[in-house]
Each structure stands twice: as C-alpha cells, then as structure tokens.
PDB file of all heavy atoms in Angstrom:
ATOM      1  N   VAL A   1     112.220-103.411 -17.485  1.00  0.00           N
ATOM      2  CA  VAL A   1     112.691-103.972 -16.214  1.00  0.00           C
ATOM      3  C   VAL A   1     112.947-105.473 -16.335  1.00  0.00           C
ATOM      4  O   VAL A   1     113.086-106.157 -15.325  1.00  0.00           O
ATOM      5  CB  VAL A   1     111.662-103.703 -15.091  1.00  0.00           C
ATOM      6  CG1 VAL A   1     111.516-102.207 -14.857  1.00  0.00           C
ATOM      7  CG2 VAL A   1     110.314-104.331 -15.435  1.00  0.00           C
ATOM      8  N   SER A   2     113.016-105.967 -17.565  1.00  0.00           N
ATOM      9  CA  SER A   2     113.195-107.414 -17.762  1.00  0.00           C
ATOM     10  C   SER A   2     114.489-107.908 -17.140  1.00  0.00           C
ATOM     11  O   SER A   2     114.521-108.930 -16.435  1.00  0.00           O
ATOM     12  CB  SER A   2     113.181-107.742 -19.263  1.00  0.00           C
ATOM     13  OG  SER A   2     111.974-107.317 -19.861  1.00  0.00           O
ATOM     14  N   GLU A   3     115.598-107.192 -17.374  1.00  0.00           N
ATOM     15  CA  GLU A   3     116.905-107.620 -16.861  1.00  0.00           C
ATOM     16  C   GLU A   3     116.908-107.657 -15.333  1.00  0.00           C
ATOM     17  O   GLU A   3     117.370-108.626 -14.720  1.00  0.00           O
ATOM     18  CB  GLU A   3     117.993-106.685 -17.375  1.00  0.00           C
ATOM     19  CG  GLU A   3     119.397-107.104 -16.960  1.00  0.00           C
ATOM     20  CD  GLU A   3     120.466-106.206 -17.553  1.00  0.00           C
ATOM     21  OE1 GLU A   3     120.126-105.332 -18.383  1.00  0.00           O
ATOM     22  OE2 GLU A   3     121.640-106.373 -17.192  1.00  0.00           O
ATOM     23  N   GLU A   4     116.384-106.603 -14.710  1.00  0.00           N
ATOM     24  CA  GLU A   4     116.334-106.577 -13.249  1.00  0.00           C
ATOM     25  C   GLU A   4     115.409-107.671 -12.717  1.00  0.00           C
ATOM     26  O   GLU A   4     115.703-108.307 -11.697  1.00  0.00           O
ATOM     27  CB  GLU A   4     115.862-105.212 -12.756  1.00  0.00           C
ATOM     28  CG  GLU A   4     115.872-105.092 -11.241  1.00  0.00           C
ATOM     29  CD  GLU A   4     115.342-103.753 -10.749  1.00  0.00           C
ATOM     30  OE1 GLU A   4     114.952-102.923 -11.599  1.00  0.00           O
ATOM     31  OE2 GLU A   4     115.314-103.547  -9.516  1.00  0.00           O
ATOM     32  N   PHE A   5     114.301-107.914 -13.414  1.00  0.00           N
ATOM     33  CA  PHE A   5     113.354-108.939 -12.975  1.00  0.00           C
ATOM     34  C   PHE A   5     114.031-110.307 -12.910  1.00  0.00           C
ATOM     35  O   PHE A   5     113.941-111.020 -11.892  1.00  0.00           O
ATOM     36  CB  PHE A   5     112.159-108.981 -13.934  1.00  0.00           C
ATOM     37  CG  PHE A   5     111.093-109.951 -13.544  1.00  0.00           C
ATOM     38  CD1 PHE A   5     110.054-109.573 -12.705  1.00  0.00           C
ATOM     39  CD2 PHE A   5     111.128-111.263 -14.008  1.00  0.00           C
ATOM     40  CE1 PHE A   5     109.064-110.477 -12.350  1.00  0.00           C
ATOM     41  CE2 PHE A   5     110.147-112.171 -13.652  1.00  0.00           C
ATOM     42  CZ  PHE A   5     109.106-111.774 -12.821  1.00  0.00           C
ATOM     43  N   TYR A   6     114.724-110.683 -13.977  1.00  0.00           N
ATOM     44  CA  TYR A   6     115.372-111.995 -14.001  1.00  0.00           C
ATOM     45  C   TYR A   6     116.538-112.063 -13.020  1.00  0.00           C
ATOM     46  O   TYR A   6     116.811-113.115 -12.424  1.00  0.00           O
ATOM     47  CB  TYR A   6     115.840-112.314 -15.415  1.00  0.00           C
ATOM     48  CG  TYR A   6     114.697-112.544 -16.377  1.00  0.00           C
ATOM     49  CD1 TYR A   6     114.559-111.759 -17.524  1.00  0.00           C
ATOM     50  CD2 TYR A   6     113.734-113.513 -16.131  1.00  0.00           C
ATOM     51  CE1 TYR A   6     113.502-111.955 -18.396  1.00  0.00           C
ATOM     52  CE2 TYR A   6     112.671-113.722 -17.005  1.00  0.00           C
ATOM     53  CZ  TYR A   6     112.561-112.933 -18.135  1.00  0.00           C
ATOM     54  OH  TYR A   6     111.501-113.130 -18.989  1.00  0.00           O
ATOM     55  N   ASP A   7     117.226-110.942 -12.809  1.00  0.00           N
ATOM     56  CA  ASP A   7     118.332-110.916 -11.853  1.00  0.00           C
ATOM     57  C   ASP A   7     117.819-111.125 -10.432  1.00  0.00           C
ATOM     58  O   ASP A   7     118.376-111.916  -9.661  1.00  0.00           O
ATOM     59  CB  ASP A   7     119.072-109.583 -11.967  1.00  0.00           C
ATOM     60  CG  ASP A   7     120.203-109.476 -10.961  1.00  0.00           C
ATOM     61  OD1 ASP A   7     121.176-110.243 -11.064  1.00  0.00           O
ATOM     62  OD2 ASP A   7     120.105-108.628 -10.039  1.00  0.00           O
ATOM     63  N   VAL A   8     116.758-110.408 -10.066  1.00  0.00           N
ATOM     64  CA  VAL A   8     116.177-110.556  -8.728  1.00  0.00           C
ATOM     65  C   VAL A   8     115.635-111.968  -8.537  1.00  0.00           C
ATOM     66  O   VAL A   8     115.780-112.573  -7.470  1.00  0.00           O
ATOM     67  CB  VAL A   8     115.067-109.505  -8.507  1.00  0.00           C
ATOM     68  CG1 VAL A   8     114.310-109.781  -7.215  1.00  0.00           C
ATOM     69  CG2 VAL A   8     115.657-108.104  -8.480  1.00  0.00           C
ATOM     70  N   GLU A   9     115.007-112.503  -9.569  1.00  0.00           N
ATOM     71  CA  GLU A   9     114.454-113.850  -9.488  1.00  0.00           C
ATOM     72  C   GLU A   9     115.560-114.884  -9.247  1.00  0.00           C
ATOM     73  O   GLU A   9     115.392-115.798  -8.416  1.00  0.00           O
ATOM     74  CB  GLU A   9     113.702-114.166 -10.780  1.00  0.00           C
ATOM     75  CG  GLU A   9     112.826-115.398 -10.698  1.00  0.00           C
ATOM     76  CD  GLU A   9     112.036-115.597 -11.968  1.00  0.00           C
ATOM     77  OE1 GLU A   9     112.608-115.377 -13.063  1.00  0.00           O
ATOM     78  OE2 GLU A   9     110.845-115.964 -11.888  1.00  0.00           O
ATOM     79  N   ALA A  10     116.696-114.723  -9.938  1.00  0.00           N
ATOM     80  CA  ALA A  10     117.812-115.662  -9.767  1.00  0.00           C
ATOM     81  C   ALA A  10     118.431-115.534  -8.379  1.00  0.00           C
ATOM     82  O   ALA A  10     118.750-116.542  -7.718  1.00  0.00           O
ATOM     83  CB  ALA A  10     118.861-115.416 -10.846  1.00  0.00           C
ATOM     84  N   ARG A  11     118.601-114.294  -7.906  1.00  0.00           N
ATOM     85  CA  ARG A  11     119.176-114.089  -6.565  1.00  0.00           C
ATOM     86  C   ARG A  11     118.265-114.662  -5.493  1.00  0.00           C
ATOM     87  O   ARG A  11     118.736-115.255  -4.513  1.00  0.00           O
ATOM     88  CB  ARG A  11     119.403-112.594  -6.333  1.00  0.00           C
ATOM     89  CG  ARG A  11     120.577-112.019  -7.123  1.00  0.00           C
ATOM     90  CD  ARG A  11     120.542-110.505  -7.136  1.00  0.00           C
ATOM     91  NE  ARG A  11     120.516-109.965  -5.785  1.00  0.00           N
ATOM     92  CZ  ARG A  11     120.194-108.715  -5.497  1.00  0.00           C
ATOM     93  NH1 ARG A  11     119.838-107.880  -6.482  1.00  0.00           N
ATOM     94  NH2 ARG A  11     120.204-108.287  -4.256  1.00  0.00           N
ATOM     95  N   MET A  12     116.966-114.489  -5.653  1.00  0.00           N
ATOM     96  CA  MET A  12     116.034-115.024  -4.670  1.00  0.00           C
ATOM     97  C   MET A  12     116.079-116.555  -4.662  1.00  0.00           C
ATOM     98  O   MET A  12     116.020-117.187  -3.594  1.00  0.00           O
ATOM     99  CB  MET A  12     114.613-114.533  -4.975  1.00  0.00           C
ATOM    100  CG  MET A  12     113.578-114.921  -3.914  1.00  0.00           C
ATOM    101  SD  MET A  12     111.921-114.285  -4.291  1.00  0.00           S
ATOM    102  CE  MET A  12     111.543-115.215  -5.775  1.00  0.00           C
ATOM    103  N   ARG A  13     116.202-117.153  -5.820  1.00  0.00           N
ATOM    104  CA  ARG A  13     116.279-118.614  -5.891  1.00  0.00           C
ATOM    105  C   ARG A  13     117.533-119.129  -5.177  1.00  0.00           C
ATOM    106  O   ARG A  13     117.483-120.119  -4.439  1.00  0.00           O
ATOM    107  CB  ARG A  13     116.265-119.047  -7.355  1.00  0.00           C
ATOM    108  CG  ARG A  13     116.205-120.547  -7.563  1.00  0.00           C
ATOM    109  CD  ARG A  13     115.864-120.899  -8.998  1.00  0.00           C
ATOM    110  NE  ARG A  13     116.765-120.259  -9.946  1.00  0.00           N
ATOM    111  CZ  ARG A  13     116.390-119.274 -10.772  1.00  0.00           C
ATOM    112  NH1 ARG A  13     115.138-118.831 -10.750  1.00  0.00           N
ATOM    113  NH2 ARG A  13     117.245-118.758 -11.620  1.00  0.00           N
ATOM    114  N   ASN A  14     118.655-118.436  -5.384  1.00  0.00           N
ATOM    115  CA  ASN A  14     119.899-118.835  -4.729  1.00  0.00           C
ATOM    116  C   ASN A  14     119.811-118.666  -3.213  1.00  0.00           C
ATOM    117  O   ASN A  14     120.317-119.506  -2.448  1.00  0.00           O
ATOM    118  CB  ASN A  14     121.078-118.030  -5.278  1.00  0.00           C
ATOM    119  CG  ASN A  14     121.366-118.344  -6.728  1.00  0.00           C
ATOM    120  OD1 ASN A  14     121.055-119.447  -7.200  1.00  0.00           O
ATOM    121  ND2 ASN A  14     121.953-117.391  -7.444  1.00  0.00           N
ATOM    122  N   LYS A  15     119.190-117.578  -2.775  1.00  0.00           N
ATOM    123  CA  LYS A  15     119.061-117.345  -1.330  1.00  0.00           C
ATOM    124  C   LYS A  15     118.163-118.399  -0.675  1.00  0.00           C
ATOM    125  O   LYS A  15     118.403-118.821   0.455  1.00  0.00           O
ATOM    126  CB  LYS A  15     118.505-115.935  -1.083  1.00  0.00           C
ATOM    127  CG  LYS A  15     119.504-114.812  -1.347  1.00  0.00           C
ATOM    128  CD  LYS A  15     120.698-114.891  -0.401  1.00  0.00           C
ATOM    129  CE  LYS A  15     121.693-113.790  -0.646  1.00  0.00           C
ATOM    130  NZ  LYS A  15     122.856-113.882   0.281  1.00  0.00           N
ATOM    131  N   LYS A  16     117.132-118.804  -1.381  1.00  0.00           N
ATOM    132  CA  LYS A  16     116.257-119.846  -0.829  1.00  0.00           C
ATOM    133  C   LYS A  16     116.991-121.175  -0.723  1.00  0.00           C
ATOM    134  O   LYS A  16     116.790-121.941   0.243  1.00  0.00           O
ATOM    135  CB  LYS A  16     115.007-119.985  -1.704  1.00  0.00           C
ATOM    136  CG  LYS A  16     114.000-118.858  -1.522  1.00  0.00           C
ATOM    137  CD  LYS A  16     112.723-119.127  -2.300  1.00  0.00           C
ATOM    138  CE  LYS A  16     111.676-118.060  -2.017  1.00  0.00           C
ATOM    139  NZ  LYS A  16     110.407-118.306  -2.747  1.00  0.00           N
ATOM    140  N   GLN A  17     117.845-121.467  -1.695  1.00  0.00           N
ATOM    141  CA  GLN A  17     118.651-122.682  -1.616  1.00  0.00           C
ATOM    142  C   GLN A  17     119.625-122.607  -0.434  1.00  0.00           C
ATOM    143  O   GLN A  17     119.832-123.597   0.284  1.00  0.00           O
ATOM    144  CB  GLN A  17     119.413-122.889  -2.923  1.00  0.00           C
ATOM    145  CG  GLN A  17     118.531-123.237  -4.106  1.00  0.00           C
ATOM    146  CD  GLN A  17     119.295-123.320  -5.404  1.00  0.00           C
ATOM    147  OE1 GLN A  17     120.494-123.065  -5.447  1.00  0.00           O
ATOM    148  NE2 GLN A  17     118.594-123.684  -6.491  1.00  0.00           N
ATOM    149  N   GLU A  18     120.216-121.416  -0.228  1.00  0.00           N
ATOM    150  CA  GLU A  18     121.115-121.240   0.920  1.00  0.00           C
ATOM    151  C   GLU A  18     120.353-121.406   2.226  1.00  0.00           C
ATOM    152  O   GLU A  18     120.846-122.018   3.181  1.00  0.00           O
ATOM    153  CB  GLU A  18     121.756-119.852   0.854  1.00  0.00           C
ATOM    154  CG  GLU A  18     122.755-119.591   1.964  1.00  0.00           C
ATOM    155  CD  GLU A  18     123.379-118.208   1.871  1.00  0.00           C
ATOM    156  OE1 GLU A  18     123.078-117.466   0.898  1.00  0.00           O
ATOM    157  OE2 GLU A  18     124.159-117.854   2.781  1.00  0.00           O
ATOM    158  N   GLU A  19     119.146-120.896   2.270  1.00  0.00           N
ATOM    159  CA  GLU A  19     118.328-121.040   3.467  1.00  0.00           C
ATOM    160  C   GLU A  19     118.003-122.512   3.732  1.00  0.00           C
ATOM    161  O   GLU A  19     118.036-122.974   4.892  1.00  0.00           O
ATOM    162  CB  GLU A  19     117.029-120.233   3.300  1.00  0.00           C
ATOM    163  CG  GLU A  19     116.118-120.265   4.520  1.00  0.00           C
ATOM    164  CD  GLU A  19     114.810-119.533   4.280  1.00  0.00           C
ATOM    165  OE1 GLU A  19     114.391-119.396   3.103  1.00  0.00           O
ATOM    166  OE2 GLU A  19     114.192-119.100   5.264  1.00  0.00           O
ATOM    167  N   SER A  20     117.711-123.266   2.684  1.00  0.00           N
ATOM    168  CA  SER A  20     117.407-124.693   2.847  1.00  0.00           C
ATOM    169  C   SER A  20     118.621-125.446   3.388  1.00  0.00           C
ATOM    170  O   SER A  20     118.484-126.311   4.282  1.00  0.00           O
ATOM    171  CB  SER A  20     116.974-125.296   1.504  1.00  0.00           C
ATOM    172  OG  SER A  20     115.785-124.679   1.045  1.00  0.00           O
ATOM    173  N   ARG A  21     119.800-125.109   2.922  1.00  0.00           N
ATOM    174  CA  ARG A  21     121.006-125.770   3.416  1.00  0.00           C
ATOM    175  C   ARG A  21     121.245-125.442   4.884  1.00  0.00           C
ATOM    176  O   ARG A  21     121.652-126.313   5.677  1.00  0.00           O
ATOM    177  CB  ARG A  21     122.221-125.356   2.569  1.00  0.00           C
ATOM    178  CG  ARG A  21     122.222-125.934   1.163  1.00  0.00           C
ATOM    179  CD  ARG A  21     123.571-125.779   0.501  1.00  0.00           C
ATOM    180  NE  ARG A  21     123.964-124.384   0.363  1.00  0.00           N
ATOM    181  CZ  ARG A  21     123.688-123.644  -0.712  1.00  0.00           C
ATOM    182  NH1 ARG A  21     123.020-124.176  -1.735  1.00  0.00           N
ATOM    183  NH2 ARG A  21     124.081-122.384  -0.777  1.00  0.00           N
ATOM    184  N   LEU A  22     121.011-124.180   5.252  1.00  0.00           N
ATOM    185  CA  LEU A  22     121.207-123.784   6.646  1.00  0.00           C
ATOM    186  C   LEU A  22     120.195-124.492   7.556  1.00  0.00           C
ATOM    187  O   LEU A  22     120.532-124.907   8.675  1.00  0.00           O
ATOM    188  CB  LEU A  22     121.088-122.270   6.789  1.00  0.00           C
ATOM    189  CG  LEU A  22     122.253-121.448   6.208  1.00  0.00           C
ATOM    190  CD1 LEU A  22     121.903-119.967   6.200  1.00  0.00           C
ATOM    191  CD2 LEU A  22     123.533-121.691   7.006  1.00  0.00           C
ATOM    192  N   LEU A  23     118.957-124.624   7.076  1.00  0.00           N
ATOM    193  CA  LEU A  23     117.944-125.329   7.868  1.00  0.00           C
ATOM    194  C   LEU A  23     118.316-126.803   8.043  1.00  0.00           C
ATOM    195  O   LEU A  23     118.143-127.380   9.131  1.00  0.00           O
ATOM    196  CB  LEU A  23     116.570-125.195   7.199  1.00  0.00           C
ATOM    197  CG  LEU A  23     115.941-123.797   7.235  1.00  0.00           C
ATOM    198  CD1 LEU A  23     114.681-123.748   6.384  1.00  0.00           C
ATOM    199  CD2 LEU A  23     115.620-123.380   8.675  1.00  0.00           C
ATOM    200  N   LYS A  24     118.854-127.408   6.989  1.00  0.00           N
ATOM    201  CA  LYS A  24     119.289-128.801   7.078  1.00  0.00           C
ATOM    202  C   LYS A  24     120.465-128.929   8.049  1.00  0.00           C
ATOM    203  O   LYS A  24     120.528-129.880   8.857  1.00  0.00           O
ATOM    204  CB  LYS A  24     119.710-129.282   5.685  1.00  0.00           C
ATOM    205  CG  LYS A  24     120.099-130.741   5.615  1.00  0.00           C
ATOM    206  CD  LYS A  24     118.889-131.631   5.878  1.00  0.00           C
ATOM    207  CE  LYS A  24     119.201-133.088   5.542  1.00  0.00           C
ATOM    208  NZ  LYS A  24     120.306-133.651   6.295  1.00  0.00           N
TER     209      LYS A  24
END
C-alpha cells in the first residue's frame, strides 16, 4: 500500500493548503 499511502498523503497536504488559502 506504499503507493496509495504516499498518494493520499500528498492529496491531503494539498487540500490543507487549499483550506488555508480559503480561510485567509
């Protein structure tokens, strides 16, 4: 599950950045 793990981790990081921009 290494590939899926890193993919989910990257998507979550991007979504958190999008959330921070929306909050700003």
